């Protein structure tokens, strides 16, 4: 394979990842199959970087004329519009399933239901409120820090969530799932590139912030694995969405506690 063909393949995989996780239209020449979707998991972190960057730009452009709370809300709306609320939907379904089911089968059945239950509604409301409040506090501290936190959190949270694919078992039958097929296998190359994208973002932080965030994310990933194994024996697309949302919130917590990140 020539260098040009190699670059074309990587661009193709990134576009597959972007098309899966966002509402940004893919070029018509991009073809999606199970193999490409599995390999595209290497770029899930970079998709987060793109979403975080666009959200941060909206915040930075509006915070000079609007109150911090309004600018943060507009940035959050940008993220939701870009992804179609994909991860938020997974968060709600996961809490509905884990909270309302007694057996793994019950939990998976509830998570397939398109209706929103009380557990999911409460989780979604509390997470969005917490995200807004944390970002407002960061914005009042320093607008540059708040925008940078969006970029970091969107990237790192997707790295954490997607890395779960490497070690855990996919437990959803796609033929009965209400969502589109998910990457079910992850090779060592995909994991390496995925983790590298997260590490690259951390390099832009100060040493204490980067180290704190790295250690917390490693511990949080382990916690997700333990909970998912205990609840349903593996992961689904919904649980990965929940992992992304919770990881994003924890990123904001860590960066707020540590202080200046630039």
Protein backbone atom coordinates (compact mmCIF):
# COMPACT_ATOMS: atom_id res chain seq x y z
CA UNK A 1 0.00 0.00 0.00
CA UNK A 2 1.42 3.38 -1.03
CA UNK A 3 1.70 6.28 1.39
CA UNK A 4 -1.11 8.08 -0.42
CA UNK A 5 -3.38 5.04 -0.17
CA UNK A 6 -2.49 4.69 3.51
CA UNK A 7 -3.46 8.31 4.23
CA UNK A 8 -6.68 7.89 2.24
CA UNK A 9 -7.55 4.83 4.34
CA UNK A 10 -6.98 6.73 7.60
CA UNK A 11 -9.05 9.69 6.43
CA UNK A 12 -11.76 7.24 5.41
CA UNK A 13 -11.75 5.68 8.90
CA UNK A 14 -11.92 9.09 10.56
CA UNK A 15 -14.92 10.03 8.41
CA UNK A 16 -16.61 6.75 9.37
CA UNK A 17 -16.06 7.60 13.05
CA UNK A 18 -17.32 11.15 12.52
CA UNK A 19 -20.37 9.92 10.64
CA UNK A 20 -21.19 7.45 13.40
CA UNK A 21 -20.84 9.81 16.37
CA UNK A 22 -22.02 13.11 14.87
CA UNK A 23 -24.69 14.52 12.61
CA UNK A 24 -22.01 15.98 10.33
CA UNK A 25 -22.71 14.50 6.87
CA UNK A 26 -20.15 12.06 5.47
CA UNK A 27 -19.02 12.36 1.84
CA UNK A 28 -20.99 10.03 -0.43
CA UNK A 29 -17.86 8.10 -1.38
CA UNK A 30 -17.36 6.86 2.19
CA UNK A 31 -18.58 3.27 2.56
CA UNK A 32 -19.29 1.78 5.99
CA UNK A 33 -19.03 -1.88 6.94
CA UNK A 34 -18.38 -3.82 10.16
CA UNK A 35 -14.63 -3.97 9.60
CA UNK A 36 -14.32 -0.24 9.00
CA UNK A 37 -16.50 0.52 12.00
CA UNK A 38 -14.29 -1.60 14.24
CA UNK A 39 -11.11 0.06 12.96
CA UNK A 40 -12.70 3.53 13.13
CA UNK A 41 -12.77 3.24 16.92
CA UNK A 42 -9.16 4.49 16.83
CA UNK A 43 -10.50 7.94 15.95
CA UNK A 44 -13.34 8.23 18.46
CA UNK A 45 -11.14 10.50 20.58
CA UNK A 46 -10.44 12.79 17.62
CA UNK A 47 -14.16 13.05 16.97
CA UNK A 48 -14.48 14.23 20.57
CA UNK A 49 -11.72 16.74 19.92
CA UNK A 50 -13.69 18.11 16.97
CA UNK A 51 -16.94 18.33 18.96
CA UNK A 52 -15.14 19.94 21.91
CA UNK A 53 -13.35 22.43 19.68
CA UNK A 54 -16.53 23.56 17.94
CA UNK A 55 -18.34 23.85 21.29
CA UNK A 56 -15.44 25.87 22.71
CA UNK A 57 -15.43 28.19 19.70
CA UNK A 58 -19.13 28.93 20.24
CA UNK A 59 -18.40 29.68 23.90
CA UNK A 60 -15.41 31.90 23.14
CA UNK A 61 -17.29 33.85 20.45
CA UNK A 62 -20.31 34.55 22.65
CA UNK A 63 -18.82 35.06 26.12
CA UNK A 64 -17.70 38.62 25.29
CA UNK A 65 -21.31 39.75 24.82
CA UNK A 66 -23.36 37.33 26.88
CA UNK A 67 -23.32 36.19 30.53
CA UNK A 68 -21.11 33.18 31.20
CA UNK A 69 -24.10 30.94 31.93
CA UNK A 70 -25.72 31.70 28.58
CA UNK A 71 -22.49 31.15 26.66
CA UNK A 72 -21.93 27.83 28.40
CA UNK A 73 -25.48 26.77 27.57
CA UNK A 74 -24.98 27.68 23.91
CA UNK A 75 -21.78 25.61 23.88
CA UNK A 76 -23.65 22.65 25.38
CA UNK A 77 -26.41 23.04 22.80
CA UNK A 78 -23.75 23.01 20.09
CA UNK A 79 -22.40 19.71 21.38
CA UNK A 80 -25.87 18.17 21.51
CA UNK A 81 -26.72 19.37 17.99
CA UNK A 82 -23.44 18.01 16.62
CA UNK A 83 -23.96 14.57 18.15
CA UNK A 84 -27.74 14.41 18.07
CA UNK A 85 -27.76 13.77 21.81
CA UNK A 86 -26.25 10.34 21.07
CA UNK A 87 -24.36 9.98 24.35
CA UNK A 88 -27.05 11.62 26.45
CA UNK A 89 -29.53 9.06 25.13
CA UNK A 90 -27.17 6.27 26.15
CA UNK A 91 -26.84 7.74 29.63
CA UNK A 92 -30.62 7.85 30.10
CA UNK A 93 -31.14 4.32 28.79
CA UNK A 94 -28.36 2.94 30.98
CA UNK A 95 -29.80 4.43 34.15
CA UNK A 96 -33.27 3.23 33.21
CA UNK A 97 -31.96 -0.29 32.68
CA UNK A 98 -29.64 -0.49 35.67
CA UNK A 99 -32.19 1.13 37.96
CA UNK A 100 -35.31 -0.68 36.77
CA UNK A 101 -34.15 -4.21 36.04
CA UNK A 102 -33.37 -7.09 38.39
CA UNK A 103 -31.58 -9.45 36.00
CA UNK A 104 -29.17 -8.73 33.16
CA UNK A 105 -31.86 -9.74 30.67
CA UNK A 106 -34.35 -7.34 32.24
CA UNK A 107 -31.83 -4.52 32.16
CA UNK A 108 -30.98 -5.09 28.51
CA UNK A 109 -34.66 -5.26 27.62
CA UNK A 110 -35.40 -1.98 29.40
CA UNK A 111 -32.41 -0.31 27.74
CA UNK A 112 -33.83 -1.26 24.32
CA UNK A 113 -37.11 0.52 25.11
CA UNK A 114 -37.24 3.91 23.39
CA UNK A 115 -39.40 5.35 26.17
CA UNK A 116 -37.72 7.47 28.84
CA UNK A 117 -38.19 6.28 32.43
CA UNK A 118 -37.84 8.10 35.72
CA UNK A 119 -34.30 6.87 36.40
CA UNK A 120 -33.12 8.00 32.99
CA UNK A 121 -34.90 11.34 33.21
CA UNK A 122 -33.39 12.08 36.62
CA UNK A 123 -29.90 11.05 35.50
CA UNK A 124 -30.10 13.15 32.34
CA UNK A 125 -31.42 16.22 34.16
CA UNK A 126 -28.84 16.02 36.96
CA UNK A 127 -25.90 15.40 34.63
CA UNK A 128 -26.82 18.31 32.35
CA UNK A 129 -27.32 20.63 35.32
CA UNK A 130 -24.03 19.56 36.83
CA UNK A 131 -22.21 19.98 33.52
CA UNK A 132 -23.59 23.50 33.13
CA UNK A 133 -22.71 24.51 36.70
CA UNK A 134 -19.14 23.15 36.49
CA UNK A 135 -18.50 24.91 33.19
CA UNK A 136 -19.95 28.17 34.51
CA UNK A 137 -17.58 27.99 37.49
CA UNK A 138 -14.66 27.36 35.13
CA UNK A 139 -15.81 30.25 32.92
CA UNK A 140 -15.95 32.62 35.89
CA UNK A 141 -12.43 31.51 36.79
CA UNK A 142 -11.11 32.09 33.26
CA UNK A 143 -12.96 31.86 29.89
CA UNK A 144 -9.85 30.42 28.23
CA UNK A 145 -9.75 27.67 30.84
CA UNK A 146 -13.45 26.87 30.35
CA UNK A 147 -13.14 26.54 26.59
CA UNK A 148 -9.98 24.47 26.93
CA UNK A 149 -11.74 22.24 29.45
CA UNK A 150 -14.45 21.53 26.88
CA UNK A 151 -11.87 20.41 24.33
CA UNK A 152 -10.03 18.23 26.84
CA UNK A 153 -13.14 16.68 28.39
CA UNK A 154 -14.86 15.88 25.10
CA UNK A 155 -11.70 14.15 23.86
CA UNK A 156 -10.61 12.29 26.98
CA UNK A 157 -14.12 11.13 27.87
CA UNK A 158 -14.51 9.47 24.48
CA UNK A 159 -11.12 7.82 24.81
CA UNK A 160 -12.15 6.36 28.16
CA UNK A 161 -15.50 5.12 26.82
CA UNK A 162 -14.14 3.68 23.57
CA UNK A 163 -11.24 1.91 25.32
CA UNK A 164 -13.78 -0.29 27.09
CA UNK A 165 -14.35 -2.05 23.75
CA UNK A 166 -10.80 -3.46 23.89
CA UNK A 167 -11.22 -5.56 27.04
CA UNK A 168 -14.96 -6.10 27.43
CA UNK A 169 -17.62 -8.21 25.73
CA UNK A 170 -20.36 -6.69 23.62
CA UNK A 171 -23.65 -8.06 24.97
CA UNK A 172 -26.25 -6.54 22.67
CA UNK A 173 -27.81 -8.36 19.71
CA UNK A 174 -27.77 -5.75 16.94
CA UNK A 175 -30.79 -7.33 15.27
CA UNK A 176 -32.92 -6.48 18.31
CA UNK A 177 -31.21 -3.22 19.19
CA UNK A 178 -33.00 0.08 18.70
CA UNK A 179 -29.71 1.79 17.81
CA UNK A 180 -27.33 1.42 14.89
CA UNK A 181 -24.57 -1.23 15.03
CA UNK A 182 -21.59 -0.48 17.22
CA UNK A 183 -17.88 -1.23 16.97
CA UNK A 184 -17.63 -4.59 18.71
CA UNK A 185 -13.93 -5.38 18.42
CA UNK A 186 -10.83 -3.29 18.93
CA UNK A 187 -7.32 -4.28 17.93
CA UNK A 188 -4.13 -3.17 19.61
CA UNK A 189 -3.46 -0.64 16.82
CA UNK A 190 -6.88 0.94 17.36
CA UNK A 191 -6.31 1.10 21.11
CA UNK A 192 -2.86 2.64 20.71
CA UNK A 193 -4.05 5.40 18.38
CA UNK A 194 -7.10 6.02 20.55
CA UNK A 195 -5.06 6.38 23.74
CA UNK A 196 -2.45 8.48 21.92
CA UNK A 197 -5.12 11.03 20.99
CA UNK A 198 -6.06 11.37 24.65
CA UNK A 199 -2.44 11.66 25.78
CA UNK A 200 -1.80 14.29 23.10
CA UNK A 201 -4.56 16.49 24.52
CA UNK A 202 -3.25 16.02 28.07
CA UNK A 203 0.17 17.30 26.97
CA UNK A 204 -1.37 20.76 26.57
CA UNK A 205 -2.22 20.89 30.27
CA UNK A 206 0.02 21.77 33.15
CA UNK A 207 1.78 18.84 34.78
CA UNK A 208 -0.43 18.56 37.87
CA UNK A 209 -3.67 18.83 35.88
CA UNK A 210 -2.51 16.32 33.27
CA UNK A 211 -1.31 13.79 35.85
CA UNK A 212 -4.42 14.19 38.01
CA UNK A 213 -6.73 13.75 35.05
CA UNK A 214 -4.80 10.73 33.76
CA UNK A 215 -4.92 8.92 37.10
CA UNK A 216 -8.58 9.72 37.71
CA UNK A 217 -9.58 8.56 34.21
CA UNK A 218 -7.69 5.27 34.63
CA UNK A 219 -9.48 4.66 37.92
CA UNK A 220 -12.84 5.69 36.46
CA UNK A 221 -12.45 3.32 33.52
CA UNK A 222 -11.79 0.47 35.91
CA UNK A 223 -14.92 1.40 37.87
CA UNK A 224 -17.00 1.38 34.68
CA UNK A 225 -15.70 -2.08 33.79
CA UNK A 226 -16.57 -3.48 37.23
CA UNK A 227 -20.08 -1.98 37.18
CA UNK A 228 -20.86 -3.04 33.60
CA UNK A 229 -19.67 -6.59 34.21
CA UNK A 230 -21.74 -6.85 37.36
CA UNK A 231 -24.87 -5.34 35.83
CA UNK A 232 -25.03 -6.88 32.34
CA UNK A 233 -21.85 -8.91 31.82
CA UNK A 234 -20.24 -6.51 29.36
CA UNK A 235 -21.02 -3.33 27.47
CA UNK A 236 -23.54 -1.94 24.99
CA UNK A 237 -23.63 1.28 23.02
CA UNK A 238 -25.81 2.76 25.74
CA UNK A 239 -23.30 2.02 28.50
CA UNK A 240 -20.50 3.54 26.43
CA UNK A 241 -22.62 6.68 26.07
CA UNK A 242 -23.12 6.75 29.82
CA UNK A 243 -19.38 6.27 30.35
CA UNK A 244 -18.65 9.20 28.05
CA UNK A 245 -21.07 11.54 29.79
CA UNK A 246 -19.90 10.65 33.30
CA UNK A 247 -16.24 10.85 32.27
CA UNK A 248 -16.85 14.31 30.80
CA UNK A 249 -18.40 15.48 34.08
CA UNK A 250 -15.52 14.04 36.10
CA UNK A 251 -13.03 15.82 33.82
CA UNK A 252 -14.66 19.16 34.65
CA UNK A 253 -14.59 18.28 38.35
CA UNK A 254 -10.87 17.49 38.26
CA UNK A 255 -9.97 20.59 36.25
CA UNK A 256 -12.01 22.80 38.55
CA UNK A 257 -10.37 21.34 41.65
CA UNK A 258 -6.85 21.51 40.25
CA UNK A 259 -7.30 25.09 39.09
CA UNK A 260 -5.55 26.68 36.13
CA UNK A 261 -4.94 24.18 33.35
CA UNK A 262 -2.96 26.32 30.93
